[in-house]
Amino acid sequence: GAEEEKKAANIEEDNCAKLAAEAQQIQAMADQELVEALPAMNEAQKAVDCLDKSAIQELKNLPKPPVECVDVGAACGFLLKHEKRKLDWKGCVRMMNNPPGFLEEVK
């Protein structure tokens, strides 16, 4: 009857309140992580903004670049091209074949 429905409604209300509290906690954690990540994202954007076509052209013309260049190129391959394996320098150069297009993807 009405008493059972009221009990069920109270149980459901408690469950909803618990879920809402959990959701609020998750939201607060996500907001904090975003606040912490934004400065790094802004710095990364500034670093990318200083790149131009000639910088990419110069980079891809290096016959034996420093290992850091290869690592960054490989990271771009993973992030932009969803590469399954780490790119070697030849693969990185192929990815940068069209400097304006590559810069567009990076930005």
N, C-alpha and C. Protein backbone atom coordinates (compact mmCIF):
# COMPACT_ATOMS: atom_id res chain seq x y z
N GLY A 1 0.79 -1.17 0.00
CA GLY A 1 0.00 0.00 0.00
C GLY A 1 0.84 1.25 0.00
N ALA A 2 0.21 2.26 0.55
CA ALA A 2 0.84 3.59 0.56
C ALA A 2 2.10 3.60 1.42
N GLU A 3 2.09 2.84 2.53
CA GLU A 3 3.25 2.80 3.43
C GLU A 3 4.49 2.22 2.72
N GLU A 4 4.27 1.13 1.96
CA GLU A 4 5.40 0.51 1.23
C GLU A 4 5.94 1.46 0.16
N GLU A 5 5.03 2.13 -0.52
CA GLU A 5 5.45 3.09 -1.54
C GLU A 5 6.27 4.22 -0.94
N LYS A 6 5.85 4.67 0.24
CA LYS A 6 6.57 5.75 0.92
C LYS A 6 7.97 5.27 1.31
N LYS A 7 8.08 4.03 1.82
CA LYS A 7 9.39 3.48 2.19
C LYS A 7 10.30 3.39 0.95
N ALA A 8 9.72 2.87 -0.12
CA ALA A 8 10.49 2.73 -1.36
C ALA A 8 10.94 4.10 -1.86
N ALA A 9 10.06 5.08 -1.76
CA ALA A 9 10.39 6.43 -2.20
C ALA A 9 11.51 7.01 -1.34
N ASN A 10 11.45 6.76 -0.02
CA ASN A 10 12.51 7.26 0.88
C ASN A 10 13.85 6.60 0.56
N ILE A 11 13.84 5.29 0.29
CA ILE A 11 15.07 4.57 -0.07
C ILE A 11 15.64 5.16 -1.36
N GLU A 12 14.76 5.36 -2.34
CA GLU A 12 15.19 5.92 -3.63
C GLU A 12 15.75 7.34 -3.43
N GLU A 13 15.12 8.12 -2.57
CA GLU A 13 15.59 9.48 -2.29
C GLU A 13 16.98 9.44 -1.66
N ASP A 14 17.19 8.51 -0.72
CA ASP A 14 18.51 8.36 -0.10
C ASP A 14 19.57 7.99 -1.14
N ASN A 15 19.22 7.03 -2.02
CA ASN A 15 20.15 6.61 -3.06
C ASN A 15 20.51 7.78 -3.98
N CYS A 16 19.51 8.56 -4.34
CA CYS A 16 19.74 9.73 -5.20
C CYS A 16 20.64 10.75 -4.51
N ALA A 17 20.42 10.97 -3.21
CA ALA A 17 21.23 11.92 -2.46
C ALA A 17 22.69 11.45 -2.41
N LYS A 18 22.90 10.14 -2.21
CA LYS A 18 24.26 9.60 -2.18
C LYS A 18 24.93 9.78 -3.55
N LEU A 19 24.19 9.47 -4.60
CA LEU A 19 24.74 9.64 -5.95
C LEU A 19 25.07 11.10 -6.24
N ALA A 20 24.20 11.99 -5.81
CA ALA A 20 24.43 13.42 -6.03
C ALA A 20 25.68 13.88 -5.27
N ALA A 21 25.86 13.38 -4.05
CA ALA A 21 27.04 13.75 -3.26
C ALA A 21 28.31 13.22 -3.93
N GLU A 22 28.27 11.98 -4.44
CA GLU A 22 29.42 11.41 -5.15
C GLU A 22 29.72 12.23 -6.41
N ALA A 23 28.68 12.59 -7.14
CA ALA A 23 28.86 13.37 -8.36
C ALA A 23 29.48 14.73 -8.04
N GLN A 24 29.07 15.33 -6.93
CA GLN A 24 29.64 16.62 -6.52
C GLN A 24 31.12 16.49 -6.19
N GLN A 25 31.47 15.39 -5.51
CA GLN A 25 32.88 15.13 -5.19
C GLN A 25 33.71 14.98 -6.46
N ILE A 26 33.20 14.19 -7.40
CA ILE A 26 33.90 13.97 -8.66
C ILE A 26 34.05 15.30 -9.40
N GLN A 27 33.01 16.11 -9.41
CA GLN A 27 33.06 17.43 -10.07
C GLN A 27 34.12 18.30 -9.41
N ALA A 28 34.17 18.31 -8.08
CA ALA A 28 35.16 19.13 -7.37
C ALA A 28 36.58 18.67 -7.71
N MET A 29 36.80 17.36 -7.78
CA MET A 29 38.12 16.83 -8.13
C MET A 29 38.49 17.21 -9.56
N ALA A 30 37.54 17.09 -10.47
CA ALA A 30 37.78 17.43 -11.87
C ALA A 30 38.10 18.93 -12.01
N ASP A 31 37.36 19.75 -11.29
CA ASP A 31 37.60 21.20 -11.34
C ASP A 31 39.01 21.51 -10.84
N GLN A 32 39.44 20.84 -9.76
CA GLN A 32 40.78 21.07 -9.22
C GLN A 32 41.85 20.63 -10.21
N GLU A 33 41.65 19.47 -10.84
CA GLU A 33 42.61 18.99 -11.83
C GLU A 33 42.71 19.96 -13.01
N LEU A 34 41.56 20.51 -13.40
CA LEU A 34 41.57 21.48 -14.50
C LEU A 34 42.35 22.73 -14.12
N VAL A 35 42.13 23.23 -12.90
CA VAL A 35 42.85 24.41 -12.42
C VAL A 35 44.35 24.15 -12.44
N GLU A 36 44.76 22.93 -12.07
CA GLU A 36 46.18 22.59 -12.05
C GLU A 36 46.74 22.43 -13.47
N ALA A 37 45.91 21.95 -14.40
CA ALA A 37 46.38 21.67 -15.76
C ALA A 37 46.43 22.93 -16.64
N LEU A 38 45.58 23.90 -16.38
CA LEU A 38 45.49 25.07 -17.25
C LEU A 38 46.80 25.82 -17.44
N PRO A 39 47.59 26.08 -16.39
CA PRO A 39 48.86 26.79 -16.63
C PRO A 39 49.78 26.02 -17.58
N ALA A 40 49.85 24.71 -17.43
CA ALA A 40 50.69 23.90 -18.33
C ALA A 40 50.16 23.96 -19.76
N MET A 41 48.84 23.91 -19.90
CA MET A 41 48.24 24.01 -21.23
C MET A 41 48.55 25.36 -21.87
N ASN A 42 48.47 26.42 -21.08
CA ASN A 42 48.76 27.76 -21.61
C ASN A 42 50.22 27.88 -22.02
N GLU A 43 51.12 27.31 -21.23
CA GLU A 43 52.54 27.32 -21.58
C GLU A 43 52.79 26.53 -22.87
N ALA A 44 52.13 25.38 -22.98
CA ALA A 44 52.28 24.56 -24.18
C ALA A 44 51.77 25.32 -25.41
N GLN A 45 50.66 26.03 -25.25
CA GLN A 45 50.12 26.82 -26.36
C GLN A 45 51.09 27.90 -26.79
N LYS A 46 51.72 28.56 -25.81
CA LYS A 46 52.72 29.60 -26.14
C LYS A 46 53.89 28.98 -26.90
N ALA A 47 54.32 27.81 -26.45
CA ALA A 47 55.45 27.14 -27.11
C ALA A 47 55.10 26.79 -28.55
N VAL A 48 53.88 26.33 -28.78
CA VAL A 48 53.45 25.97 -30.13
C VAL A 48 53.30 27.22 -30.99
N ASP A 49 52.83 28.30 -30.38
CA ASP A 49 52.61 29.54 -31.14
C ASP A 49 53.90 30.11 -31.71
N CYS A 50 55.05 29.79 -31.09
CA CYS A 50 56.31 30.35 -31.61
C CYS A 50 56.83 29.55 -32.81
N LEU A 51 56.21 28.42 -33.11
CA LEU A 51 56.63 27.62 -34.27
C LEU A 51 56.07 28.21 -35.56
N ASP A 52 56.87 28.16 -36.62
CA ASP A 52 56.37 28.58 -37.92
C ASP A 52 56.87 27.60 -38.98
N LYS A 53 56.44 27.84 -40.20
CA LYS A 53 56.76 26.94 -41.31
C LYS A 53 58.27 26.74 -41.46
N SER A 54 59.03 27.82 -41.34
CA SER A 54 60.48 27.69 -41.54
C SER A 54 61.13 26.88 -40.42
N ALA A 55 60.60 26.97 -39.20
CA ALA A 55 61.15 26.18 -38.08
C ALA A 55 60.93 24.69 -38.33
N ILE A 56 59.75 24.34 -38.83
CA ILE A 56 59.45 22.94 -39.13
C ILE A 56 60.31 22.47 -40.29
N GLN A 57 60.46 23.33 -41.30
CA GLN A 57 61.30 23.00 -42.47
C GLN A 57 62.74 22.73 -42.01
N GLU A 58 63.26 23.60 -41.15
CA GLU A 58 64.62 23.43 -40.64
C GLU A 58 64.74 22.12 -39.84
N LEU A 59 63.76 21.86 -39.00
CA LEU A 59 63.77 20.65 -38.18
C LEU A 59 63.79 19.39 -39.04
N LYS A 60 62.90 19.34 -40.01
CA LYS A 60 62.81 18.11 -40.82
C LYS A 60 64.01 17.91 -41.74
N ASN A 61 64.82 18.97 -41.94
CA ASN A 61 66.02 18.85 -42.77
C ASN A 61 67.25 18.40 -41.98
N LEU A 62 67.10 18.22 -40.67
CA LEU A 62 68.23 17.74 -39.87
C LEU A 62 68.50 16.27 -40.21
N PRO A 63 69.72 15.95 -40.63
CA PRO A 63 70.01 14.55 -40.97
C PRO A 63 70.06 13.65 -39.72
N LYS A 64 70.67 14.16 -38.65
CA LYS A 64 70.76 13.39 -37.40
C LYS A 64 70.39 14.31 -36.25
N PRO A 65 69.10 14.45 -35.97
CA PRO A 65 68.67 15.39 -34.92
C PRO A 65 69.00 14.85 -33.53
N PRO A 66 69.02 15.75 -32.53
CA PRO A 66 69.18 15.28 -31.15
C PRO A 66 68.04 14.31 -30.79
N VAL A 67 68.33 13.40 -29.87
CA VAL A 67 67.34 12.38 -29.51
C VAL A 67 66.03 13.01 -29.01
N GLU A 68 66.12 14.18 -28.39
CA GLU A 68 64.92 14.86 -27.90
C GLU A 68 63.98 15.23 -29.05
N CYS A 69 64.55 15.60 -30.17
CA CYS A 69 63.73 15.94 -31.35
C CYS A 69 62.97 14.70 -31.83
N VAL A 70 63.68 13.58 -31.86
CA VAL A 70 63.03 12.33 -32.30
C VAL A 70 61.93 11.96 -31.31
N ASP A 71 62.20 12.11 -30.01
CA ASP A 71 61.20 11.76 -29.00
C ASP A 71 59.95 12.64 -29.11
N VAL A 72 60.16 13.93 -29.31
CA VAL A 72 59.01 14.85 -29.46
C VAL A 72 58.25 14.52 -30.74
N GLY A 73 58.98 14.23 -31.81
CA GLY A 73 58.33 13.83 -33.07
C GLY A 73 57.51 12.57 -32.89
N ALA A 74 58.08 11.60 -32.17
CA ALA A 74 57.35 10.35 -31.91
C ALA A 74 56.11 10.61 -31.06
N ALA A 75 56.23 11.51 -30.08
CA ALA A 75 55.06 11.86 -29.25
C ALA A 75 53.97 12.48 -30.12
N CYS A 76 54.37 13.34 -31.05
CA CYS A 76 53.38 13.93 -31.98
C CYS A 76 52.71 12.83 -32.80
N GLY A 77 53.49 11.83 -33.20
CA GLY A 77 52.92 10.71 -33.96
C GLY A 77 51.86 9.98 -33.16
N PHE A 78 52.16 9.73 -31.88
CA PHE A 78 51.18 9.05 -31.02
C PHE A 78 49.93 9.90 -30.84
N LEU A 79 50.12 11.20 -30.56
CA LEU A 79 48.99 12.07 -30.24
C LEU A 79 48.18 12.50 -31.45
N LEU A 80 48.87 12.81 -32.55
CA LEU A 80 48.17 13.37 -33.71
C LEU A 80 47.76 12.30 -34.73
N LYS A 81 48.60 11.30 -34.88
CA LYS A 81 48.36 10.29 -35.92
C LYS A 81 47.95 8.94 -35.36
N HIS A 82 47.85 8.87 -34.04
CA HIS A 82 47.47 7.62 -33.36
C HIS A 82 48.36 6.45 -33.78
N GLU A 83 49.65 6.75 -33.91
CA GLU A 83 50.61 5.71 -34.28
C GLU A 83 50.64 4.64 -33.20
N LYS A 84 50.79 3.40 -33.62
CA LYS A 84 50.84 2.28 -32.66
C LYS A 84 52.27 2.07 -32.15
N ARG A 85 53.25 2.37 -33.01
CA ARG A 85 54.66 2.20 -32.65
C ARG A 85 55.35 3.56 -32.68
N LYS A 86 56.44 3.64 -31.91
CA LYS A 86 57.21 4.89 -31.88
C LYS A 86 57.82 5.14 -33.26
N LEU A 87 57.60 6.34 -33.77
CA LEU A 87 58.16 6.72 -35.07
C LEU A 87 59.68 6.88 -34.96
N ASP A 88 60.38 6.45 -36.00
CA ASP A 88 61.80 6.78 -36.09
C ASP A 88 61.89 8.16 -36.77
N TRP A 89 63.10 8.67 -36.97
CA TRP A 89 63.22 10.02 -37.52
C TRP A 89 62.62 10.12 -38.92
N LYS A 90 62.80 9.07 -39.75
CA LYS A 90 62.21 9.09 -41.10
C LYS A 90 60.70 9.24 -41.01
N GLY A 91 60.08 8.51 -40.08
CA GLY A 91 58.64 8.61 -39.90
C GLY A 91 58.22 10.00 -39.43
N CYS A 92 59.04 10.59 -38.55
CA CYS A 92 58.75 11.95 -38.07
C CYS A 92 58.82 12.95 -39.23
N VAL A 93 59.85 12.80 -40.07
CA VAL A 93 60.00 13.70 -41.22
C VAL A 93 58.81 13.56 -42.16
N ARG A 94 58.37 12.32 -42.40
CA ARG A 94 57.18 12.10 -43.26
C ARG A 94 55.96 12.80 -42.67
N MET A 95 55.81 12.72 -41.35
CA MET A 95 54.66 13.35 -40.69
C MET A 95 54.70 14.87 -40.87
N MET A 96 55.92 15.45 -40.92
CA MET A 96 56.07 16.90 -41.06
C MET A 96 56.22 17.33 -42.52
N ASN A 97 55.95 16.43 -43.45
CA ASN A 97 56.17 16.68 -44.87
C ASN A 97 55.51 17.96 -45.36
N ASN A 98 54.33 18.25 -44.85
CA ASN A 98 53.62 19.47 -45.21
C ASN A 98 53.65 20.38 -43.98
N PRO A 99 54.70 21.23 -43.82
CA PRO A 99 54.83 22.04 -42.61
C PRO A 99 53.58 22.83 -42.21
N PRO A 100 52.94 23.55 -43.15
CA PRO A 100 51.72 24.30 -42.72
C PRO A 100 50.62 23.37 -42.20
N GLY A 101 50.44 22.23 -42.87
CA GLY A 101 49.42 21.27 -42.42
C GLY A 101 49.78 20.68 -41.07
N PHE A 102 51.06 20.35 -40.89
CA PHE A 102 51.52 19.82 -39.62
C PHE A 102 51.30 20.83 -38.49
N LEU A 103 51.65 22.08 -38.74
CA LEU A 103 51.44 23.12 -37.71
C LEU A 103 49.96 23.27 -37.37
N GLU A 104 49.11 23.16 -38.38
CA GLU A 104 47.66 23.27 -38.14
C GLU A 104 47.21 22.15 -37.21
N GLU A 105 47.72 20.93 -37.46
CA GLU A 105 47.36 19.79 -36.62
C GLU A 105 47.85 19.98 -35.19
N VAL A 106 49.07 20.48 -35.04
CA VAL A 106 49.66 20.68 -33.71
C VAL A 106 48.88 21.71 -32.92
N LYS A 107 48.44 22.76 -33.60
CA LYS A 107 47.73 23.83 -32.92
C LYS A 107 46.30 23.43 -32.66
